[in-house]
């Protein structure tokens, strides 16, 4: 019986050592900007931040973004950067959390007849 209990305890210890916590922050970058997505599964929400790297914030005007993966997509359109060149959004739709479970996540940003797509890692 003692061997059996020792085996069970050892099994729990080994399985706990092998499991890594899920990644909760994903970052992607291009020459024009940077995107950061944070996932809070326990709160069933995600945060999405964009940072424009250039100096001509007003030249961007309205833009749209789409975050996509094999599990779905989420995005917004007709939005503008803040005066500091950022855009921040918090999404409390639990359905969008599945996007972050996919191994590949891409962001597409469209503005002024231009488009950039890059990966979040």
Foldseek 3Di string as FASTA:
>chain_A
DVVVVVVVVVVVVVVVVPDDDDDFWWKKDDPFKIKIKGDDVVQLKIKIKIAGPDDCQVVFQWKKKKKADPLGIDIDGRDGADPRRMDMDMGNHNSCVVRSVHPWIKMWMDTPNDIDIITID
